[in-house]
Amino acid sequence: MKTSVIVFPASNCDRDAAVALEQATGKPPAMVWHAETDLPDTDLVVLPGGFSYGDYLRSGAMAARSPIMRSVVEKAKAGTPVIGICNGFQILTEAGLLPGALLRNAGLNFVCRTVTLKVENNQSIFASAFEKGQTVDFPVAHHDGNYFADKETLDRLESEGRIVFRYVDNPNGSARDIAGIMNDAGNVLGLMPHPERVISPLLGGVDGALFFKGLVEAAAR
């Protein structure tokens, strides 16, 4: 399976994502600089966490207009799985691949700790390694992780089963405890917590390793 990680100026989790993908696939991913215009042949794209472009204007706003994002959008619309983690989630909303927006945390503080998530939908490729209702522990590290959308959008996400993960103890004020959502086609996931940071007991847990292993196996079918 071929994977790609997009690298933006001030990405800081691109190597973490690369290590997680190599562990899950046995092959190093292509590291694609934001100024490139075409993605290599790839079966999965990851937009990593960090503070792309220093979070100027809005988190993810400038990165969403990077040259490589045209190719990412095309791949996503053609059905290639795409994951945006933390800042990557912000980029996906700014690029119009996911609804809603990520606002300043309700407490106006940067939140950096491990949180517990509940798996809401394990029928997608993104949570196939888990049982519905299972809890997993992923770290968060964000200042703008407060997911917001209007009631109509939130109701639609609920009714269509597009909320994949919810916070058990909401750290940022996200509407309806949303931690991760997918698009209507089921191939684009925005996830605020960081599964790539818990892929080994040495890192404090393996729930992230299960996440990536399940995703790779499901995407390869």
C-alpha atoms as a PDB file:
ATOM      1  CA  MET A   1       0.000   0.000   0.000  1.00  0.00           C
ATOM      2  CA  LYS A   2       1.318   3.425  -0.989  1.00  0.00           C
ATOM      3  CA  THR A   3       0.823   6.356   1.375  1.00  0.00           C
ATOM      4  CA  SER A   4       1.652  10.059   1.363  1.00  0.00           C
ATOM      5  CA  VAL A   5       2.138  12.694   4.059  1.00  0.00           C
ATOM      6  CA  ILE A   6       1.742  16.340   3.075  1.00  0.00           C
ATOM      7  CA  VAL A   7       4.367  18.632   4.637  1.00  0.00           C
ATOM      8  CA  PHE A   8       3.487  22.293   5.143  1.00  0.00           C
ATOM      9  CA  PRO A   9       5.691  25.058   6.564  1.00  0.00           C
ATOM     10  CA  ALA A  10       5.474  24.584  10.375  1.00  0.00           C
ATOM     11  CA  SER A  11       4.046  21.072  10.237  1.00  0.00           C
ATOM     12  CA  ASN A  12       5.328  19.382  13.378  1.00  0.00           C
ATOM     13  CA  CYS A  13       3.717  15.946  13.281  1.00  0.00           C
ATOM     14  CA  ASP A  14       4.654  14.949   9.744  1.00  0.00           C
ATOM     15  CA  ARG A  15       7.430  12.610  10.904  1.00  0.00           C
ATOM     16  CA  ASP A  16       5.205  11.113  13.589  1.00  0.00           C
ATOM     17  CA  ALA A  17       2.633  10.351  10.890  1.00  0.00           C
ATOM     18  CA  ALA A  18       5.344   8.896   8.660  1.00  0.00           C
ATOM     19  CA  VAL A  19       6.555   6.565  11.422  1.00  0.00           C
ATOM     20  CA  ALA A  20       2.985   5.412  12.109  1.00  0.00           C
ATOM     21  CA  LEU A  21       2.313   4.738   8.438  1.00  0.00           C
ATOM     22  CA  GLU A  22       5.571   2.859   7.932  1.00  0.00           C
ATOM     23  CA  GLN A  23       4.817   0.744  10.989  1.00  0.00           C
ATOM     24  CA  ALA A  24       1.356  -0.075   9.618  1.00  0.00           C
ATOM     25  CA  THR A  25       2.329  -0.687   5.992  1.00  0.00           C
ATOM     26  CA  GLY A  26       5.962  -1.786   6.113  1.00  0.00           C
ATOM     27  CA  LYS A  27       6.829   0.968   3.647  1.00  0.00           C
ATOM     28  CA  PRO A  28       7.860   4.596   4.227  1.00  0.00           C
ATOM     29  CA  PRO A  29       5.336   7.111   2.914  1.00  0.00           C
ATOM     30  CA  ALA A  30       6.084   9.724   0.300  1.00  0.00           C
ATOM     31  CA  MET A  31       6.746  13.050   2.017  1.00  0.00           C
ATOM     32  CA  VAL A  32       5.122  15.628  -0.264  1.00  0.00           C
ATOM     33  CA  TRP A  33       6.082  19.293   0.075  1.00  0.00           C
ATOM     34  CA  HIS A  34       3.189  21.761   0.019  1.00  0.00           C
ATOM     35  CA  ALA A  35       4.513  23.558  -3.061  1.00  0.00           C
ATOM     36  CA  GLU A  36       4.279  20.454  -5.236  1.00  0.00           C
ATOM     37  CA  THR A  37       1.370  20.388  -7.642  1.00  0.00           C
ATOM     38  CA  ASP A  38       0.839  16.649  -8.035  1.00  0.00           C
ATOM     39  CA  LEU A  39       0.601  13.780  -5.598  1.00  0.00           C
ATOM     40  CA  PRO A  40       2.502  10.593  -6.380  1.00  0.00           C
ATOM     41  CA  ASP A  41       0.551   7.382  -6.945  1.00  0.00           C
ATOM     42  CA  THR A  42      -0.985   6.885  -3.507  1.00  0.00           C
ATOM     43  CA  ASP A  43      -3.674   4.889  -1.718  1.00  0.00           C
ATOM     44  CA  LEU A  44      -3.894   7.098   1.372  1.00  0.00           C
ATOM     45  CA  VAL A  45      -3.106  10.757   2.120  1.00  0.00           C
ATOM     46  CA  VAL A  46      -2.417  12.205   5.574  1.00  0.00           C
ATOM     47  CA  LEU A  47      -2.508  15.923   6.395  1.00  0.00           C
ATOM     48  CA  PRO A  48      -0.523  16.071   9.659  1.00  0.00           C
ATOM     49  CA  GLY A  49      -0.761  18.206  12.755  1.00  0.00           C
ATOM     50  CA  GLY A  50       1.222  21.344  13.415  1.00  0.00           C
ATOM     51  CA  PHE A  51       0.781  25.041  12.867  1.00  0.00           C
ATOM     52  CA  SER A  52       0.910  25.386   9.095  1.00  0.00           C
ATOM     53  CA  TYR A  53       1.953  28.879   8.004  1.00  0.00           C
ATOM     54  CA  GLY A  54       2.079  29.848  11.686  1.00  0.00           C
ATOM     55  CA  ASP A  55      -1.748  29.709  11.882  1.00  0.00           C
ATOM     56  CA  TYR A  56      -1.876  33.138  10.220  1.00  0.00           C
ATOM     57  CA  LEU A  57      -5.346  34.379   9.217  1.00  0.00           C
ATOM     58  CA  ARG A  58      -7.034  31.235  10.601  1.00  0.00           C
ATOM     59  CA  SER A  59      -5.675  27.802  11.438  1.00  0.00           C
ATOM     60  CA  GLY A  60      -5.409  25.897   8.162  1.00  0.00           C
ATOM     61  CA  ALA A  61      -6.647  28.759   5.982  1.00  0.00           C
ATOM     62  CA  MET A  62      -3.409  29.342   4.088  1.00  0.00           C
ATOM     63  CA  ALA A  63      -2.468  25.658   3.893  1.00  0.00           C
ATOM     64  CA  ALA A  64      -5.835  24.893   2.296  1.00  0.00           C
ATOM     65  CA  ARG A  65      -4.735  27.061  -0.608  1.00  0.00           C
ATOM     66  CA  SER A  66      -1.319  25.483  -1.069  1.00  0.00           C
ATOM     67  CA  PRO A  67      -0.622  24.163  -4.586  1.00  0.00           C
ATOM     68  CA  ILE A  68      -0.664  20.516  -3.446  1.00  0.00           C
ATOM     69  CA  MET A  69      -4.182  20.848  -2.052  1.00  0.00           C
ATOM     70  CA  ARG A  70      -5.667  20.950  -5.536  1.00  0.00           C
ATOM     71  CA  SER A  71      -4.362  17.443  -6.054  1.00  0.00           C
ATOM     72  CA  VAL A  72      -5.486  16.349  -2.584  1.00  0.00           C
ATOM     73  CA  VAL A  73      -9.022  17.598  -3.293  1.00  0.00           C
ATOM     74  CA  GLU A  74      -9.049  15.789  -6.635  1.00  0.00           C
ATOM     75  CA  LYS A  75      -7.880  12.551  -5.024  1.00  0.00           C
ATOM     76  CA  ALA A  76     -10.458  12.871  -2.260  1.00  0.00           C
ATOM     77  CA  LYS A  77     -13.282  13.461  -4.707  1.00  0.00           C
ATOM     78  CA  ALA A  78     -12.106  10.420  -6.681  1.00  0.00           C
ATOM     79  CA  GLY A  79     -12.403   8.249  -3.568  1.00  0.00           C
ATOM     80  CA  THR A  80      -8.841   8.100  -2.190  1.00  0.00           C
ATOM     81  CA  PRO A  81      -8.881   7.993   1.631  1.00  0.00           C
ATOM     82  CA  VAL A  82      -7.651  11.243   3.207  1.00  0.00           C
ATOM     83  CA  ILE A  83      -7.045  11.880   6.909  1.00  0.00           C
ATOM     84  CA  GLY A  84      -6.516  15.287   8.474  1.00  0.00           C
ATOM     85  CA  ILE A  85      -5.163  15.157  12.027  1.00  0.00           C
ATOM     86  CA  CYS A  86      -5.420  18.257  14.261  1.00  0.00           C
ATOM     87  CA  ASN A  87      -4.197  21.053  11.959  1.00  0.00           C
ATOM     88  CA  GLY A  88      -5.013  18.662   9.120  1.00  0.00           C
ATOM     89  CA  PHE A  89      -8.647  18.642  10.296  1.00  0.00           C
ATOM     90  CA  GLN A  90      -8.616  22.435  10.212  1.00  0.00           C
ATOM     91  CA  ILE A  91      -7.188  22.334   6.674  1.00  0.00           C
ATOM     92  CA  LEU A  92      -9.915  19.928   5.518  1.00  0.00           C
ATOM     93  CA  THR A  93     -12.662  22.272   6.728  1.00  0.00           C
ATOM     94  CA  GLU A  94     -10.947  25.284   5.141  1.00  0.00           C
ATOM     95  CA  ALA A  95     -10.613  23.365   1.863  1.00  0.00           C
ATOM     96  CA  GLY A  96     -14.317  22.507   1.880  1.00  0.00           C
ATOM     97  CA  LEU A  97     -13.764  18.758   2.140  1.00  0.00           C
ATOM     98  CA  LEU A  98     -15.511  18.655   5.527  1.00  0.00           C
ATOM     99  CA  PRO A  99     -18.290  20.859   6.926  1.00  0.00           C
ATOM    100  CA  GLY A 100     -18.005  23.159   9.918  1.00  0.00           C
ATOM    101  CA  ALA A 101     -15.028  24.937  11.432  1.00  0.00           C
ATOM    102  CA  LEU A 102     -12.536  24.583  14.281  1.00  0.00           C
ATOM    103  CA  LEU A 103     -12.768  27.560  16.633  1.00  0.00           C
ATOM    104  CA  ARG A 104     -10.729  28.740  19.624  1.00  0.00           C
ATOM    105  CA  ASN A 105     -11.037  26.332  22.562  1.00  0.00           C
ATOM    106  CA  ALA A 106     -13.903  27.234  24.872  1.00  0.00           C
ATOM    107  CA  GLY A 107     -11.504  27.788  27.766  1.00  0.00           C
ATOM    108  CA  LEU A 108      -9.239  29.971  25.582  1.00  0.00           C
ATOM    109  CA  ASN A 109      -6.255  27.831  26.595  1.00  0.00           C
ATOM    110  CA  PHE A 110      -3.974  25.490  24.707  1.00  0.00           C
ATOM    111  CA  VAL A 111      -4.936  21.930  25.684  1.00  0.00           C
ATOM    112  CA  CYS A 112      -2.231  19.254  25.726  1.00  0.00           C
ATOM    113  CA  ARG A 113      -3.112  15.946  27.365  1.00  0.00           C
ATOM    114  CA  THR A 114      -4.418  12.473  26.687  1.00  0.00           C
ATOM    115  CA  VAL A 115      -8.174  12.270  26.225  1.00  0.00           C
ATOM    116  CA  THR A 116     -10.616   9.397  25.993  1.00  0.00           C
ATOM    117  CA  LEU A 117     -12.736   9.019  22.867  1.00  0.00           C
ATOM    118  CA  LYS A 118     -15.812   6.909  22.220  1.00  0.00           C
ATOM    119  CA  VAL A 119     -16.055   5.135  18.873  1.00  0.00           C
ATOM    120  CA  GLU A 120     -19.383   6.160  17.363  1.00  0.00           C
ATOM    121  CA  ASN A 121     -19.128   4.512  13.945  1.00  0.00           C
ATOM    122  CA  ASN A 122     -16.902   1.507  13.294  1.00  0.00           C
ATOM    123  CA  GLN A 123     -18.425   0.758   9.901  1.00  0.00           C
ATOM    124  CA  SER A 124     -16.101   3.180   8.137  1.00  0.00           C
ATOM    125  CA  ILE A 125     -12.523   2.371   7.162  1.00  0.00           C
ATOM    126  CA  PHE A 126     -11.357   4.840   9.805  1.00  0.00           C
ATOM    127  CA  ALA A 127     -12.510   2.918  12.873  1.00  0.00           C
ATOM    128  CA  SER A 128     -12.735  -0.640  11.591  1.00  0.00           C
ATOM    129  CA  ALA A 129     -10.207  -1.846  14.191  1.00  0.00           C
ATOM    130  CA  PHE A 130     -12.563  -0.943  17.034  1.00  0.00           C
ATOM    131  CA  GLU A 131     -15.979  -1.912  18.322  1.00  0.00           C
ATOM    132  CA  LYS A 132     -18.846   0.563  18.330  1.00  0.00           C
ATOM    133  CA  GLY A 133     -18.968   2.148  21.770  1.00  0.00           C
ATOM    134  CA  GLN A 134     -15.372   1.196  22.559  1.00  0.00           C
ATOM    135  CA  THR A 135     -13.206   3.841  24.190  1.00  0.00           C
ATOM    136  CA  VAL A 136      -9.677   4.700  23.052  1.00  0.00           C
ATOM    137  CA  ASP A 137      -7.061   7.097  24.388  1.00  0.00           C
ATOM    138  CA  PHE A 138      -5.372   9.593  22.058  1.00  0.00           C
ATOM    139  CA  PRO A 139      -3.430  12.757  22.985  1.00  0.00           C
ATOM    140  CA  VAL A 140      -4.637  16.220  22.007  1.00  0.00           C
ATOM    141  CA  ALA A 141      -2.490  19.336  21.543  1.00  0.00           C
ATOM    142  CA  HIS A 142      -4.432  22.300  20.164  1.00  0.00           C
ATOM    143  CA  HIS A 143      -5.645  25.811  20.766  1.00  0.00           C
ATOM    144  CA  ASP A 144      -8.314  25.832  18.055  1.00  0.00           C
ATOM    145  CA  GLY A 145     -10.014  22.458  18.409  1.00  0.00           C
ATOM    146  CA  ASN A 146     -13.548  23.568  19.228  1.00  0.00           C
ATOM    147  CA  TYR A 147     -15.659  22.014  16.445  1.00  0.00           C
ATOM    148  CA  PHE A 148     -18.572  24.181  15.359  1.00  0.00           C
ATOM    149  CA  ALA A 149     -21.321  23.760  12.776  1.00  0.00           C
ATOM    150  CA  ASP A 150     -24.915  24.949  12.528  1.00  0.00           C
ATOM    151  CA  LYS A 151     -27.696  22.759  13.915  1.00  0.00           C
ATOM    152  CA  GLU A 152     -28.773  21.525  10.487  1.00  0.00           C
ATOM    153  CA  THR A 153     -25.247  20.341   9.715  1.00  0.00           C
ATOM    154  CA  LEU A 154     -24.841  18.726  13.135  1.00  0.00           C
ATOM    155  CA  ASP A 155     -28.172  16.928  12.760  1.00  0.00           C
ATOM    156  CA  ARG A 156     -27.117  15.684   9.336  1.00  0.00           C
ATOM    157  CA  LEU A 157     -23.788  14.402  10.670  1.00  0.00           C
ATOM    158  CA  GLU A 158     -25.693  12.555  13.397  1.00  0.00           C
ATOM    159  CA  SER A 159     -28.359  11.052  11.136  1.00  0.00           C
ATOM    160  CA  GLU A 160     -25.871   9.975   8.470  1.00  0.00           C
ATOM    161  CA  GLY A 161     -23.506   8.337  10.956  1.00  0.00           C
ATOM    162  CA  ARG A 162     -20.653  10.658  10.038  1.00  0.00           C
ATOM    163  CA  ILE A 163     -19.496  11.312  13.591  1.00  0.00           C
ATOM    164  CA  VAL A 164     -16.742   8.723  13.973  1.00  0.00           C
ATOM    165  CA  PHE A 165     -15.297   9.713  17.376  1.00  0.00           C
ATOM    166  CA  ARG A 166     -16.655  11.724  20.316  1.00  0.00           C
ATOM    167  CA  TYR A 167     -14.900  13.035  23.394  1.00  0.00           C
ATOM    168  CA  VAL A 168     -15.879  11.349  26.655  1.00  0.00           C
ATOM    169  CA  ASP A 169     -14.708  14.411  28.595  1.00  0.00           C
ATOM    170  CA  ASN A 170     -14.840  17.291  26.130  1.00  0.00           C
ATOM    171  CA  PRO A 171     -11.563  19.274  26.406  1.00  0.00           C
ATOM    172  CA  ASN A 172     -12.390  22.156  24.084  1.00  0.00           C
ATOM    173  CA  GLY A 173     -16.147  22.800  23.906  1.00  0.00           C
ATOM    174  CA  SER A 174     -16.747  21.026  20.592  1.00  0.00           C
ATOM    175  CA  ALA A 175     -20.394  20.837  19.583  1.00  0.00           C
ATOM    176  CA  ARG A 176     -21.921  17.504  20.601  1.00  0.00           C
ATOM    177  CA  ASP A 177     -18.512  16.340  21.864  1.00  0.00           C
ATOM    178  CA  ILE A 178     -17.307  15.822  18.296  1.00  0.00           C
ATOM    179  CA  ALA A 179     -13.681  14.717  17.972  1.00  0.00           C
ATOM    180  CA  GLY A 180     -13.721  13.281  14.461  1.00  0.00           C
ATOM    181  CA  ILE A 181     -16.075  13.390  11.464  1.00  0.00           C
ATOM    182  CA  MET A 182     -16.043  12.089   7.909  1.00  0.00           C
ATOM    183  CA  ASN A 183     -17.441  13.329   4.613  1.00  0.00           C
ATOM    184  CA  ASP A 184     -20.630  11.984   3.077  1.00  0.00           C
ATOM    185  CA  ALA A 185     -18.683   9.575   0.841  1.00  0.00           C
ATOM    186  CA  GLY A 186     -16.899   8.096   3.873  1.00  0.00           C
ATOM    187  CA  ASN A 187     -13.354   8.514   2.555  1.00  0.00           C
ATOM    188  CA  VAL A 188     -12.256  11.768   4.270  1.00  0.00           C
ATOM    189  CA  LEU A 189     -11.733  11.945   8.032  1.00  0.00           C
ATOM    190  CA  GLY A 190     -10.983  14.963  10.188  1.00  0.00           C
ATOM    191  CA  LEU A 191      -9.692  13.997  13.631  1.00  0.00           C
ATOM    192  CA  MET A 192      -8.533  16.500  16.244  1.00  0.00           C
ATOM    193  CA  PRO A 193      -6.659  14.075  18.582  1.00  0.00           C
ATOM    194  CA  HIS A 194      -3.349  12.474  17.534  1.00  0.00           C
ATOM    195  CA  PRO A 195      -3.397   8.686  16.993  1.00  0.00           C
ATOM    196  CA  GLU A 196       0.149   8.837  15.590  1.00  0.00           C
ATOM    197  CA  ARG A 197       1.443   9.710  19.056  1.00  0.00           C
ATOM    198  CA  VAL A 198       0.329   6.428  20.653  1.00  0.00           C
ATOM    199  CA  ILE A 199       1.715   3.686  18.434  1.00  0.00           C
ATOM    200  CA  SER A 200       3.957   1.957  20.980  1.00  0.00           C
ATOM    201  CA  PRO A 201       3.977   1.174  24.703  1.00  0.00           C
ATOM    202  CA  LEU A 202       7.098   3.347  24.837  1.00  0.00           C
ATOM    203  CA  LEU A 203       4.892   6.280  23.815  1.00  0.00           C
ATOM    204  CA  GLY A 204       2.267   5.522  26.427  1.00  0.00           C
ATOM    205  CA  GLY A 205      -0.208   3.421  24.444  1.00  0.00           C
ATOM    206  CA  VAL A 206      -1.030   1.458  21.314  1.00  0.00           C
ATOM    207  CA  ASP A 207      -4.547   2.649  20.447  1.00  0.00           C
ATOM    208  CA  GLY A 208      -3.058   4.715  17.624  1.00  0.00           C
ATOM    209  CA  ALA A 209      -1.238   1.684  16.230  1.00  0.00           C
ATOM    210  CA  LEU A 210      -4.568  -0.160  16.118  1.00  0.00           C
ATOM    211  CA  PHE A 211      -6.153   2.824  14.389  1.00  0.00           C
ATOM    212  CA  PHE A 212      -3.569   2.875  11.594  1.00  0.00           C
ATOM    213  CA  LYS A 213      -3.408  -0.917  11.249  1.00  0.00           C
ATOM    214  CA  GLY A 214      -7.182  -1.134  10.900  1.00  0.00           C
ATOM    215  CA  LEU A 215      -7.281   1.735   8.454  1.00  0.00           C
ATOM    216  CA  VAL A 216      -4.562   0.289   6.236  1.00  0.00           C
ATOM    217  CA  GLU A 217      -6.163  -3.147   6.207  1.00  0.00           C
ATOM    218  CA  ALA A 218      -9.623  -1.721   5.427  1.00  0.00           C
ATOM    219  CA  ALA A 219      -8.334   0.611   2.707  1.00  0.00           C
ATOM    220  CA  ALA A 220      -6.405  -2.219   1.071  1.00  0.00           C
ATOM    221  CA  ARG A 221      -9.496  -4.423   0.622  1.00  0.00           C
END
